[in-house]
PDB file of all heavy atoms in Angstrom:
ATOM      1  N   LYS A   1      -1.967   1.629  -7.286  1.00  0.00           N
ATOM      2  CA  LYS A   1      -3.086   2.532  -7.358  1.00  0.00           C
ATOM      3  C   LYS A   1      -4.430   1.794  -7.502  1.00  0.00           C
ATOM      4  O   LYS A   1      -5.424   2.075  -6.833  1.00  0.00           O
ATOM      5  CB  LYS A   1      -2.929   3.500  -8.497  1.00  0.00           C
ATOM      6  CG  LYS A   1      -3.990   4.604  -8.489  1.00  0.00           C
ATOM      7  CD  LYS A   1      -3.657   5.704  -9.499  1.00  0.00           C
ATOM      8  CE  LYS A   1      -4.617   6.844  -9.376  1.00  0.00           C
ATOM      9  NZ  LYS A   1      -4.322   7.961 -10.329  1.00  0.00           N
ATOM     10  N   LYS A   2      -4.458   0.760  -8.331  1.00  0.00           N
ATOM     11  CA  LYS A   2      -5.636  -0.044  -8.518  1.00  0.00           C
ATOM     12  C   LYS A   2      -6.036  -0.741  -7.229  1.00  0.00           C
ATOM     13  O   LYS A   2      -7.208  -0.732  -6.806  1.00  0.00           O
ATOM     14  CB  LYS A   2      -5.372  -1.085  -9.613  1.00  0.00           C
ATOM     15  CG  LYS A   2      -6.547  -1.968  -9.929  1.00  0.00           C
ATOM     16  CD  LYS A   2      -6.196  -2.845 -11.132  1.00  0.00           C
ATOM     17  CE  LYS A   2      -7.438  -3.703 -11.536  1.00  0.00           C
ATOM     18  NZ  LYS A   2      -7.708  -4.749 -10.603  1.00  0.00           N
ATOM     19  N   ALA A   3      -5.052  -1.276  -6.518  1.00  0.00           N
ATOM     20  CA  ALA A   3      -5.313  -2.012  -5.279  1.00  0.00           C
ATOM     21  C   ALA A   3      -5.842  -1.046  -4.174  1.00  0.00           C
ATOM     22  O   ALA A   3      -6.775  -1.399  -3.476  1.00  0.00           O
ATOM     23  CB  ALA A   3      -4.059  -2.692  -4.769  1.00  0.00           C
ATOM     24  N   VAL A   4      -5.258   0.108  -4.136  1.00  0.00           N
ATOM     25  CA  VAL A   4      -5.696   1.126  -3.152  1.00  0.00           C
ATOM     26  C   VAL A   4      -7.167   1.592  -3.465  1.00  0.00           C
ATOM     27  O   VAL A   4      -8.022   1.653  -2.626  1.00  0.00           O
ATOM     28  CB  VAL A   4      -4.763   2.314  -3.021  1.00  0.00           C
ATOM     29  CG1 VAL A   4      -5.360   3.427  -2.207  1.00  0.00           C
ATOM     30  CG2 VAL A   4      -3.390   1.820  -2.423  1.00  0.00           C
ATOM     31  N   GLU A   5      -7.383   1.959  -4.715  1.00  0.00           N
ATOM     32  CA  GLU A   5      -8.711   2.464  -5.104  1.00  0.00           C
ATOM     33  C   GLU A   5      -9.770   1.409  -4.970  1.00  0.00           C
ATOM     34  O   GLU A   5     -10.938   1.753  -4.626  1.00  0.00           O
ATOM     35  CB  GLU A   5      -8.603   2.988  -6.547  1.00  0.00           C
ATOM     36  CG  GLU A   5      -7.800   4.245  -6.678  1.00  0.00           C
ATOM     37  CD  GLU A   5      -7.726   4.725  -8.073  1.00  0.00           C
ATOM     38  OE1 GLU A   5      -7.959   3.964  -9.068  1.00  0.00           O
ATOM     39  OE2 GLU A   5      -7.459   5.947  -8.305  1.00  0.00           O
ATOM     40  N   GLU A   6      -9.450   0.150  -5.203  1.00  0.00           N
ATOM     41  CA  GLU A   6     -10.392  -0.944  -5.089  1.00  0.00           C
ATOM     42  C   GLU A   6     -10.418  -1.517  -3.667  1.00  0.00           C
ATOM     43  O   GLU A   6     -11.157  -2.479  -3.423  1.00  0.00           O
ATOM     44  CB  GLU A   6     -10.084  -2.043  -6.131  1.00  0.00           C
ATOM     45  CG  GLU A   6     -10.321  -1.533  -7.567  1.00  0.00           C
ATOM     46  CD  GLU A   6      -9.987  -2.634  -8.558  1.00  0.00           C
ATOM     47  OE1 GLU A   6      -9.645  -3.725  -8.166  1.00  0.00           O
ATOM     48  OE2 GLU A   6     -10.142  -2.339  -9.776  1.00  0.00           O
ATOM     49  N   ARG A   7      -9.594  -1.004  -2.756  1.00  0.00           N
ATOM     50  CA  ARG A   7      -9.468  -1.447  -1.402  1.00  0.00           C
ATOM     51  C   ARG A   7      -9.243  -2.956  -1.348  1.00  0.00           C
ATOM     52  O   ARG A   7      -9.892  -3.720  -0.571  1.00  0.00           O
ATOM     53  CB  ARG A   7     -10.756  -1.069  -0.597  1.00  0.00           C
ATOM     54  CG  ARG A   7     -11.056   0.405  -0.508  1.00  0.00           C
ATOM     55  CD  ARG A   7      -9.934   1.131   0.209  1.00  0.00           C
ATOM     56  NE  ARG A   7     -10.173   2.444   0.691  1.00  0.00           N
ATOM     57  CZ  ARG A   7      -9.742   3.596   0.035  1.00  0.00           C
ATOM     58  NH1 ARG A   7      -8.941   3.494  -0.978  1.00  0.00           N
ATOM     59  NH2 ARG A   7     -10.085   4.779   0.525  1.00  0.00           N
ATOM     60  N   ASP A   8      -8.221  -3.388  -2.099  1.00  0.00           N
ATOM     61  CA  ASP A   8      -7.827  -4.779  -2.165  1.00  0.00           C
ATOM     62  C   ASP A   8      -6.782  -5.027  -0.980  1.00  0.00           C
ATOM     63  O   ASP A   8      -5.615  -4.960  -1.154  1.00  0.00           O
ATOM     64  CB  ASP A   8      -7.132  -5.114  -3.471  1.00  0.00           C
ATOM     65  CG  ASP A   8      -6.844  -6.582  -3.683  1.00  0.00           C
ATOM     66  OD1 ASP A   8      -6.873  -7.313  -2.691  1.00  0.00           O
ATOM     67  OD2 ASP A   8      -6.530  -6.967  -4.811  1.00  0.00           O
ATOM     68  N   ALA A   9      -7.402  -5.353   0.179  1.00  0.00           N
ATOM     69  CA  ALA A   9      -6.562  -5.477   1.390  1.00  0.00           C
ATOM     70  C   ALA A   9      -5.596  -6.628   1.284  1.00  0.00           C
ATOM     71  O   ALA A   9      -4.433  -6.556   1.744  1.00  0.00           O
ATOM     72  CB  ALA A   9      -7.480  -5.669   2.586  1.00  0.00           C
ATOM     73  N   ALA A  10      -5.996  -7.729   0.647  1.00  0.00           N
ATOM     74  CA  ALA A  10      -5.166  -8.923   0.603  1.00  0.00           C
ATOM     75  C   ALA A  10      -3.850  -8.617  -0.190  1.00  0.00           C
ATOM     76  O   ALA A  10      -2.791  -9.053   0.172  1.00  0.00           O
ATOM     77  CB  ALA A  10      -5.898 -10.039  -0.128  1.00  0.00           C
ATOM     78  N   TYR A  11      -4.031  -7.831  -1.302  1.00  0.00           N
ATOM     79  CA  TYR A  11      -2.892  -7.503  -2.145  1.00  0.00           C
ATOM     80  C   TYR A  11      -1.845  -6.666  -1.357  1.00  0.00           C
ATOM     81  O   TYR A  11      -0.661  -6.923  -1.338  1.00  0.00           O
ATOM     82  CB  TYR A  11      -3.309  -6.678  -3.357  1.00  0.00           C
ATOM     83  CG  TYR A  11      -2.240  -6.389  -4.356  1.00  0.00           C
ATOM     84  CD1 TYR A  11      -1.945  -7.265  -5.376  1.00  0.00           C
ATOM     85  CD2 TYR A  11      -1.488  -5.224  -4.219  1.00  0.00           C
ATOM     86  CE1 TYR A  11      -0.892  -6.947  -6.290  1.00  0.00           C
ATOM     87  CE2 TYR A  11      -0.470  -4.897  -5.091  1.00  0.00           C
ATOM     88  CZ  TYR A  11      -0.180  -5.828  -6.168  1.00  0.00           C
ATOM     89  OH  TYR A  11       0.831  -5.500  -7.047  1.00  0.00           O
ATOM     90  N   ILE A  12      -2.319  -5.618  -0.625  1.00  0.00           N
ATOM     91  CA  ILE A  12      -1.459  -4.711   0.148  1.00  0.00           C
ATOM     92  C   ILE A  12      -0.787  -5.450   1.306  1.00  0.00           C
ATOM     93  O   ILE A  12       0.400  -5.332   1.542  1.00  0.00           O
ATOM     94  CB  ILE A  12      -2.222  -3.507   0.612  1.00  0.00           C
ATOM     95  CG1 ILE A  12      -2.680  -2.645  -0.610  1.00  0.00           C
ATOM     96  CG2 ILE A  12      -1.345  -2.640   1.531  1.00  0.00           C
ATOM     97  CD1 ILE A  12      -1.583  -2.097  -1.475  1.00  0.00           C
ATOM     98  N   GLN A  13      -1.541  -6.303   1.954  1.00  0.00           N
ATOM     99  CA  GLN A  13      -1.022  -6.996   3.098  1.00  0.00           C
ATOM    100  C   GLN A  13      -0.012  -8.029   2.614  1.00  0.00           C
ATOM    101  O   GLN A  13       1.068  -8.228   3.265  1.00  0.00           O
ATOM    102  CB  GLN A  13      -2.164  -7.723   3.845  1.00  0.00           C
ATOM    103  CG  GLN A  13      -3.003  -6.748   4.616  1.00  0.00           C
ATOM    104  CD  GLN A  13      -3.976  -7.417   5.525  1.00  0.00           C
ATOM    105  OE1 GLN A  13      -3.840  -8.555   6.000  1.00  0.00           O
ATOM    106  NE2 GLN A  13      -5.067  -6.686   5.905  1.00  0.00           N
ATOM    107  N   ASP A  14      -0.222  -8.708   1.552  1.00  0.00           N
ATOM    108  CA  ASP A  14       0.722  -9.704   1.004  1.00  0.00           C
ATOM    109  C   ASP A  14       2.003  -9.037   0.589  1.00  0.00           C
ATOM    110  O   ASP A  14       3.117  -9.485   0.915  1.00  0.00           O
ATOM    111  CB  ASP A  14       0.101 -10.478  -0.184  1.00  0.00           C
ATOM    112  CG  ASP A  14       1.035 -11.512  -0.666  1.00  0.00           C
ATOM    113  OD1 ASP A  14       1.467 -12.437   0.108  1.00  0.00           O
ATOM    114  OD2 ASP A  14       1.333 -11.465  -1.895  1.00  0.00           O
ATOM    115  N   LEU A  15       1.927  -7.827  -0.088  1.00  0.00           N
ATOM    116  CA  LEU A  15       3.071  -7.138  -0.505  1.00  0.00           C
ATOM    117  C   LEU A  15       3.874  -6.605   0.668  1.00  0.00           C
ATOM    118  O   LEU A  15       5.106  -6.560   0.663  1.00  0.00           O
ATOM    119  CB  LEU A  15       2.686  -6.008  -1.500  1.00  0.00           C
ATOM    120  CG  LEU A  15       3.840  -5.257  -2.180  1.00  0.00           C
ATOM    121  CD1 LEU A  15       4.738  -6.278  -2.951  1.00  0.00           C
ATOM    122  CD2 LEU A  15       3.279  -4.221  -3.085  1.00  0.00           C
ATOM    123  N   THR A  16       3.162  -6.225   1.679  1.00  0.00           N
ATOM    124  CA  THR A  16       3.860  -5.785   2.939  1.00  0.00           C
ATOM    125  C   THR A  16       4.602  -6.939   3.532  1.00  0.00           C
ATOM    126  O   THR A  16       5.820  -6.783   3.902  1.00  0.00           O
ATOM    127  CB  THR A  16       2.816  -5.264   3.950  1.00  0.00           C
ATOM    128  OG1 THR A  16       2.174  -4.075   3.479  1.00  0.00           O
ATOM    129  CG2 THR A  16       3.456  -4.957   5.281  1.00  0.00           C
ATOM    130  N   ARG A  17       3.950  -8.084   3.676  1.00  0.00           N
ATOM    131  CA  ARG A  17       4.637  -9.248   4.274  1.00  0.00           C
ATOM    132  C   ARG A  17       5.894  -9.637   3.462  1.00  0.00           C
ATOM    133  O   ARG A  17       6.917  -9.970   3.990  1.00  0.00           O
ATOM    134  CB  ARG A  17       3.696 -10.418   4.357  1.00  0.00           C
ATOM    135  CG  ARG A  17       2.779 -10.397   5.653  1.00  0.00           C
ATOM    136  CD  ARG A  17       2.013 -11.677   5.778  1.00  0.00           C
ATOM    137  NE  ARG A  17       1.009 -11.835   4.776  1.00  0.00           N
ATOM    138  CZ  ARG A  17      -0.277 -11.425   4.950  1.00  0.00           C
ATOM    139  NH1 ARG A  17      -0.620 -10.844   6.079  1.00  0.00           N
ATOM    140  NH2 ARG A  17      -1.153 -11.547   3.985  1.00  0.00           N
ATOM    141  N   GLN A  18       5.755  -9.667   2.154  1.00  0.00           N
ATOM    142  CA  GLN A  18       6.862 -10.020   1.309  1.00  0.00           C
ATOM    143  C   GLN A  18       8.060  -9.098   1.560  1.00  0.00           C
ATOM    144  O   GLN A  18       9.181  -9.544   1.633  1.00  0.00           O
ATOM    145  CB  GLN A  18       6.469 -10.016  -0.169  1.00  0.00           C
ATOM    146  CG  GLN A  18       5.548 -11.128  -0.594  1.00  0.00           C
ATOM    147  CD  GLN A  18       5.261 -11.046  -2.109  1.00  0.00           C
ATOM    148  OE1 GLN A  18       6.157 -10.958  -2.916  1.00  0.00           O
ATOM    149  NE2 GLN A  18       3.991 -10.980  -2.424  1.00  0.00           N
ATOM    150  N   GLN A  19       7.760  -7.777   1.553  1.00  0.00           N
ATOM    151  CA  GLN A  19       8.928  -6.844   1.794  1.00  0.00           C
ATOM    152  C   GLN A  19       9.493  -6.964   3.100  1.00  0.00           C
ATOM    153  O   GLN A  19      10.763  -6.939   3.333  1.00  0.00           O
ATOM    154  CB  GLN A  19       8.355  -5.370   1.562  1.00  0.00           C
ATOM    155  CG  GLN A  19       7.966  -5.096   0.134  1.00  0.00           C
ATOM    156  CD  GLN A  19       7.666  -3.611   0.034  1.00  0.00           C
ATOM    157  OE1 GLN A  19       8.516  -2.740  -0.273  1.00  0.00           O
ATOM    158  NE2 GLN A  19       6.357  -3.252   0.156  1.00  0.00           N
ATOM    159  N   ARG A  20       8.752  -7.162   4.134  1.00  0.00           N
ATOM    160  CA  ARG A  20       9.165  -7.260   5.481  1.00  0.00           C
ATOM    161  C   ARG A  20      10.028  -8.498   5.620  1.00  0.00           C
ATOM    162  O   ARG A  20      11.116  -8.506   6.263  1.00  0.00           O
ATOM    163  CB  ARG A  20       7.975  -7.311   6.506  1.00  0.00           C
ATOM    164  CG  ARG A  20       8.377  -7.413   7.942  1.00  0.00           C
ATOM    165  CD  ARG A  20       7.148  -7.307   8.802  1.00  0.00           C
ATOM    166  NE  ARG A  20       6.055  -8.187   8.524  1.00  0.00           N
ATOM    167  CZ  ARG A  20       6.055  -9.469   8.844  1.00  0.00           C
ATOM    168  NH1 ARG A  20       7.022 -10.044   9.545  1.00  0.00           N
ATOM    169  NH2 ARG A  20       4.984 -10.232   8.497  1.00  0.00           N
ATOM    170  N   GLU A  21       9.571  -9.648   5.157  1.00  0.00           N
ATOM    171  CA  GLU A  21      10.309 -10.886   5.240  1.00  0.00           C
ATOM    172  C   GLU A  21      11.598 -10.859   4.427  1.00  0.00           C
ATOM    173  O   GLU A  21      12.571 -11.567   4.736  1.00  0.00           O
ATOM    174  CB  GLU A  21       9.422 -12.039   4.768  1.00  0.00           C
ATOM    175  CG  GLU A  21       8.254 -12.348   5.769  1.00  0.00           C
ATOM    176  CD  GLU A  21       7.196 -13.306   5.175  1.00  0.00           C
ATOM    177  OE1 GLU A  21       7.446 -13.770   4.050  1.00  0.00           O
ATOM    178  OE2 GLU A  21       6.245 -13.504   5.839  1.00  0.00           O
ATOM    179  N   ALA A  22      11.622 -10.037   3.328  1.00  0.00           N
ATOM    180  CA  ALA A  22      12.862  -9.898   2.564  1.00  0.00           C
ATOM    181  C   ALA A  22      13.878  -8.922   3.202  1.00  0.00           C
ATOM    182  O   ALA A  22      14.995  -8.825   2.685  1.00  0.00           O
ATOM    183  CB  ALA A  22      12.502  -9.379   1.175  1.00  0.00           C
ATOM    184  N   GLY A  23      13.497  -8.294   4.317  1.00  0.00           N
ATOM    185  CA  GLY A  23      14.499  -7.438   4.971  1.00  0.00           C
ATOM    186  C   GLY A  23      14.139  -5.978   5.217  1.00  0.00           C
ATOM    187  O   GLY A  23      14.935  -5.266   5.751  1.00  0.00           O
ATOM    188  N   ALA A  24      12.965  -5.610   4.814  1.00  0.00           N
ATOM    189  CA  ALA A  24      12.591  -4.175   5.007  1.00  0.00           C
ATOM    190  C   ALA A  24      12.287  -3.870   6.450  1.00  0.00           C
ATOM    191  O   ALA A  24      11.485  -4.564   7.065  1.00  0.00           O
ATOM    192  CB  ALA A  24      11.368  -3.788   4.101  1.00  0.00           C
ATOM    193  N   ASP A  25      12.885  -2.778   6.946  1.00  0.00           N
ATOM    194  CA  ASP A  25      12.575  -2.309   8.293  1.00  0.00           C
ATOM    195  C   ASP A  25      11.354  -1.410   8.303  1.00  0.00           C
ATOM    196  O   ASP A  25      10.592  -1.408   9.327  1.00  0.00           O
ATOM    197  CB  ASP A  25      13.801  -1.517   8.846  1.00  0.00           C
ATOM    198  CG  ASP A  25      15.020  -2.332   8.872  1.00  0.00           C
ATOM    199  OD1 ASP A  25      15.124  -3.251   9.708  1.00  0.00           O
ATOM    200  OD2 ASP A  25      15.941  -2.119   8.032  1.00  0.00           O
ATOM    201  N   TYR A  26      11.151  -0.594   7.236  1.00  0.00           N
ATOM    202  CA  TYR A  26       9.998   0.218   7.100  1.00  0.00           C
ATOM    203  C   TYR A  26       9.357  -0.123   5.701  1.00  0.00           C
ATOM    204  O   TYR A  26      10.053  -0.548   4.806  1.00  0.00           O
ATOM    205  CB  TYR A  26      10.367   1.710   7.051  1.00  0.00           C
ATOM    206  CG  TYR A  26      10.644   2.300   8.445  1.00  0.00           C
ATOM    207  CD1 TYR A  26      11.907   2.194   9.040  1.00  0.00           C
ATOM    208  CD2 TYR A  26       9.658   2.942   9.149  1.00  0.00           C
ATOM    209  CE1 TYR A  26      12.132   2.751  10.250  1.00  0.00           C
ATOM    210  CE2 TYR A  26       9.934   3.511  10.390  1.00  0.00           C
ATOM    211  CZ  TYR A  26      11.187   3.410  10.959  1.00  0.00           C
ATOM    212  OH  TYR A  26      11.403   3.960  12.156  1.00  0.00           O
ATOM    213  N   ILE A  27       8.058   0.132   5.592  1.00  0.00           N
ATOM    214  CA  ILE A  27       7.379   0.023   4.356  1.00  0.00           C
ATOM    215  C   ILE A  27       6.926   1.484   3.923  1.00  0.00           C
ATOM    216  O   ILE A  27       6.056   2.064   4.548  1.00  0.00           O
ATOM    217  CB  ILE A  27       6.109  -0.875   4.514  1.00  0.00           C
ATOM    218  CG1 ILE A  27       6.466  -2.219   5.106  1.00  0.00           C
ATOM    219  CG2 ILE A  27       5.380  -0.983   3.179  1.00  0.00           C
ATOM    220  CD1 ILE A  27       7.421  -3.059   4.259  1.00  0.00           C
ATOM    221  N   ASP A  28       7.564   1.943   2.898  1.00  0.00           N
ATOM    222  CA  ASP A  28       7.183   3.265   2.430  1.00  0.00           C
ATOM    223  C   ASP A  28       5.735   3.220   1.883  1.00  0.00           C
ATOM    224  O   ASP A  28       5.413   2.286   1.186  1.00  0.00           O
ATOM    225  CB  ASP A  28       8.140   3.611   1.272  1.00  0.00           C
ATOM    226  CG  ASP A  28       8.052   5.143   0.927  1.00  0.00           C
ATOM    227  OD1 ASP A  28       8.533   5.923   1.774  1.00  0.00           O
ATOM    228  OD2 ASP A  28       7.616   5.491  -0.132  1.00  0.00           O
ATOM    229  N   VAL A  29       4.990   4.245   2.237  1.00  0.00           N
ATOM    230  CA  VAL A  29       3.594   4.264   1.750  1.00  0.00           C
ATOM    231  C   VAL A  29       3.290   5.706   1.224  1.00  0.00           C
ATOM    232  O   VAL A  29       3.460   6.668   1.905  1.00  0.00           O
ATOM    233  CB  VAL A  29       2.542   3.851   2.871  1.00  0.00           C
ATOM    234  CG1 VAL A  29       2.805   4.671   4.148  1.00  0.00           C
ATOM    235  CG2 VAL A  29       1.145   3.983   2.358  1.00  0.00           C
ATOM    236  N   ASN A  30       2.964   5.751  -0.044  1.00  0.00           N
ATOM    237  CA  ASN A  30       2.725   6.984  -0.787  1.00  0.00           C
ATOM    238  C   ASN A  30       1.401   6.862  -1.525  1.00  0.00           C
ATOM    239  O   ASN A  30       1.273   6.020  -2.379  1.00  0.00           O
ATOM    240  CB  ASN A  30       3.865   7.337  -1.717  1.00  0.00           C
ATOM    241  CG  ASN A  30       3.723   8.663  -2.356  1.00  0.00           C
ATOM    242  OD1 ASN A  30       2.655   9.072  -2.677  1.00  0.00           O
ATOM    243  ND2 ASN A  30       4.854   9.350  -2.520  1.00  0.00           N
ATOM    244  N   CYS A  31       0.416   7.722  -1.133  1.00  0.00           N
ATOM    245  CA  CYS A  31      -0.889   7.712  -1.815  1.00  0.00           C
ATOM    246  C   CYS A  31      -1.154   9.037  -2.498  1.00  0.00           C
ATOM    247  O   CYS A  31      -2.366   9.417  -2.672  1.00  0.00           O
ATOM    248  CB  CYS A  31      -1.959   7.352  -0.840  1.00  0.00           C
ATOM    249  SG  CYS A  31      -1.893   5.670  -0.195  1.00  0.00           S
ATOM    250  N   ALA A  32      -0.082   9.785  -2.781  1.00  0.00           N
ATOM    251  CA  ALA A  32      -0.273  11.173  -3.237  1.00  0.00           C
ATOM    252  C   ALA A  32      -0.889  11.292  -4.554  1.00  0.00           C
ATOM    253  O   ALA A  32      -1.472  12.368  -4.901  1.00  0.00           O
ATOM    254  CB  ALA A  32       1.107  11.847  -3.251  1.00  0.00           C
ATOM    255  N   THR A  33      -0.876  10.239  -5.388  1.00  0.00           N
ATOM    256  CA  THR A  33      -1.473  10.347  -6.677  1.00  0.00           C
ATOM    257  C   THR A  33      -2.968  10.076  -6.720  1.00  0.00           C
ATOM    258  O   THR A  33      -3.646  10.236  -7.729  1.00  0.00           O
ATOM    259  CB  THR A  33      -0.825   9.389  -7.693  1.00  0.00           C
ATOM    260  OG1 THR A  33      -1.021   7.992  -7.277  1.00  0.00           O
ATOM    261  CG2 THR A  33       0.669   9.664  -7.835  1.00  0.00           C
ATOM    262  N   VAL A  34      -3.539   9.669  -5.554  1.00  0.00           N
ATOM    263  CA  VAL A  34      -4.986   9.564  -5.395  1.00  0.00           C
ATOM    264  C   VAL A  34      -5.501  10.983  -5.035  1.00  0.00           C
ATOM    265  O   VAL A  34      -5.724  11.271  -3.826  1.00  0.00           O
ATOM    266  CB  VAL A  34      -5.354   8.538  -4.347  1.00  0.00           C
ATOM    267  CG1 VAL A  34      -6.907   8.292  -4.371  1.00  0.00           C
ATOM    268  CG2 VAL A  34      -4.635   7.217  -4.592  1.00  0.00           C
ATOM    269  N   LEU A  35      -5.573  11.835  -5.967  1.00  0.00           N
ATOM    270  CA  LEU A  35      -5.728  13.264  -5.754  1.00  0.00           C
ATOM    271  C   LEU A  35      -7.051  13.570  -5.020  1.00  0.00           C
ATOM    272  O   LEU A  35      -7.092  14.487  -4.220  1.00  0.00           O
ATOM    273  CB  LEU A  35      -5.659  14.042  -7.063  1.00  0.00           C
ATOM    274  CG  LEU A  35      -4.318  13.880  -7.844  1.00  0.00           C
ATOM    275  CD1 LEU A  35      -4.416  14.621  -9.173  1.00  0.00           C
ATOM    276  CD2 LEU A  35      -3.135  14.368  -6.981  1.00  0.00           C
ATOM    277  N   ASN A  36      -8.058  12.797  -5.234  1.00  0.00           N
ATOM    278  CA  ASN A  36      -9.355  13.145  -4.710  1.00  0.00           C
ATOM    279  C   ASN A  36      -9.550  12.580  -3.298  1.00  0.00           C
ATOM    280  O   ASN A  36     -10.545  12.816  -2.622  1.00  0.00           O
ATOM    281  CB  ASN A  36     -10.499  12.670  -5.622  1.00  0.00           C
ATOM    282  CG  ASN A  36     -10.528  11.211  -5.839  1.00  0.00           C
ATOM    283  OD1 ASN A  36      -9.490  10.547  -5.723  1.00  0.00           O
ATOM    284  ND2 ASN A  36     -11.630  10.652  -6.252  1.00  0.00           N
ATOM    285  N   ASP A  37      -8.541  11.674  -2.860  1.00  0.00           N
ATOM    286  CA  ASP A  37      -8.750  11.036  -1.572  1.00  0.00           C
ATOM    287  C   ASP A  37      -7.447  10.569  -0.978  1.00  0.00           C
ATOM    288  O   ASP A  37      -7.288   9.412  -0.576  1.00  0.00           O
ATOM    289  CB  ASP A  37      -9.767   9.835  -1.725  1.00  0.00           C
ATOM    290  CG  ASP A  37     -10.118   9.186  -0.356  1.00  0.00           C
ATOM    291  OD1 ASP A  37     -10.097   9.885   0.590  1.00  0.00           O
ATOM    292  OD2 ASP A  37     -10.451   7.995  -0.403  1.00  0.00           O
ATOM    293  N   GLU A  38      -6.406  11.423  -0.954  1.00  0.00           N
ATOM    294  CA  GLU A  38      -5.161  10.957  -0.401  1.00  0.00           C
ATOM    295  C   GLU A  38      -5.285  10.555   1.059  1.00  0.00           C
ATOM    296  O   GLU A  38      -4.734   9.501   1.470  1.00  0.00           O
ATOM    297  CB  GLU A  38      -4.091  12.089  -0.537  1.00  0.00           C
ATOM    298  CG  GLU A  38      -2.761  11.602  -0.011  1.00  0.00           C
ATOM    299  CD  GLU A  38      -1.628  12.636  -0.011  1.00  0.00           C
ATOM    300  OE1 GLU A  38      -1.894  13.776  -0.412  1.00  0.00           O
ATOM    301  OE2 GLU A  38      -0.507  12.301   0.389  1.00  0.00           O
ATOM    302  N   LEU A  39      -5.987  11.341   1.849  1.00  0.00           N
ATOM    303  CA  LEU A  39      -6.038  11.031   3.335  1.00  0.00           C
ATOM    304  C   LEU A  39      -6.794   9.739   3.532  1.00  0.00           C
ATOM    305  O   LEU A  39      -6.335   8.883   4.344  1.00  0.00           O
ATOM    306  CB  LEU A  39      -6.723  12.194   4.053  1.00  0.00           C
ATOM    307  CG  LEU A  39      -5.714  13.282   4.537  1.00  0.00           C
ATOM    308  CD1 LEU A  39      -5.116  13.991   3.419  1.00  0.00           C
ATOM    309  CD2 LEU A  39      -6.496  14.288   5.459  1.00  0.00           C
ATOM    310  N   GLY A  40      -7.916   9.540   2.855  1.00  0.00           N
ATOM    311  CA  GLY A  40      -8.668   8.293   3.079  1.00  0.00           C
ATOM    312  C   GLY A  40      -7.849   7.071   2.598  1.00  0.00           C
ATOM    313  O   GLY A  40      -7.845   6.014   3.314  1.00  0.00           O
ATOM    314  N   SER A  41      -7.193   7.230   1.489  1.00  0.00           N
ATOM    315  CA  SER A  41      -6.407   6.145   0.901  1.00  0.00           C
ATOM    316  C   SER A  41      -5.210   5.820   1.825  1.00  0.00           C
ATOM    317  O   SER A  41      -4.790   4.658   2.027  1.00  0.00           O
ATOM    318  CB  SER A  41      -5.949   6.479  -0.466  1.00  0.00           C
ATOM    319  OG  SER A  41      -7.060   6.589  -1.312  1.00  0.00           O
TER     320      SER A  41
END
């Protein structure tokens, strides 16, 4: 939530790469708790 709200692209991209390289076919993405900006987030 902190990374999304602060738009920390490096953090999200690094976590994506780590999951993908570890074997993930899809990366689940849920921003539903950003109540005032779910779509933008």
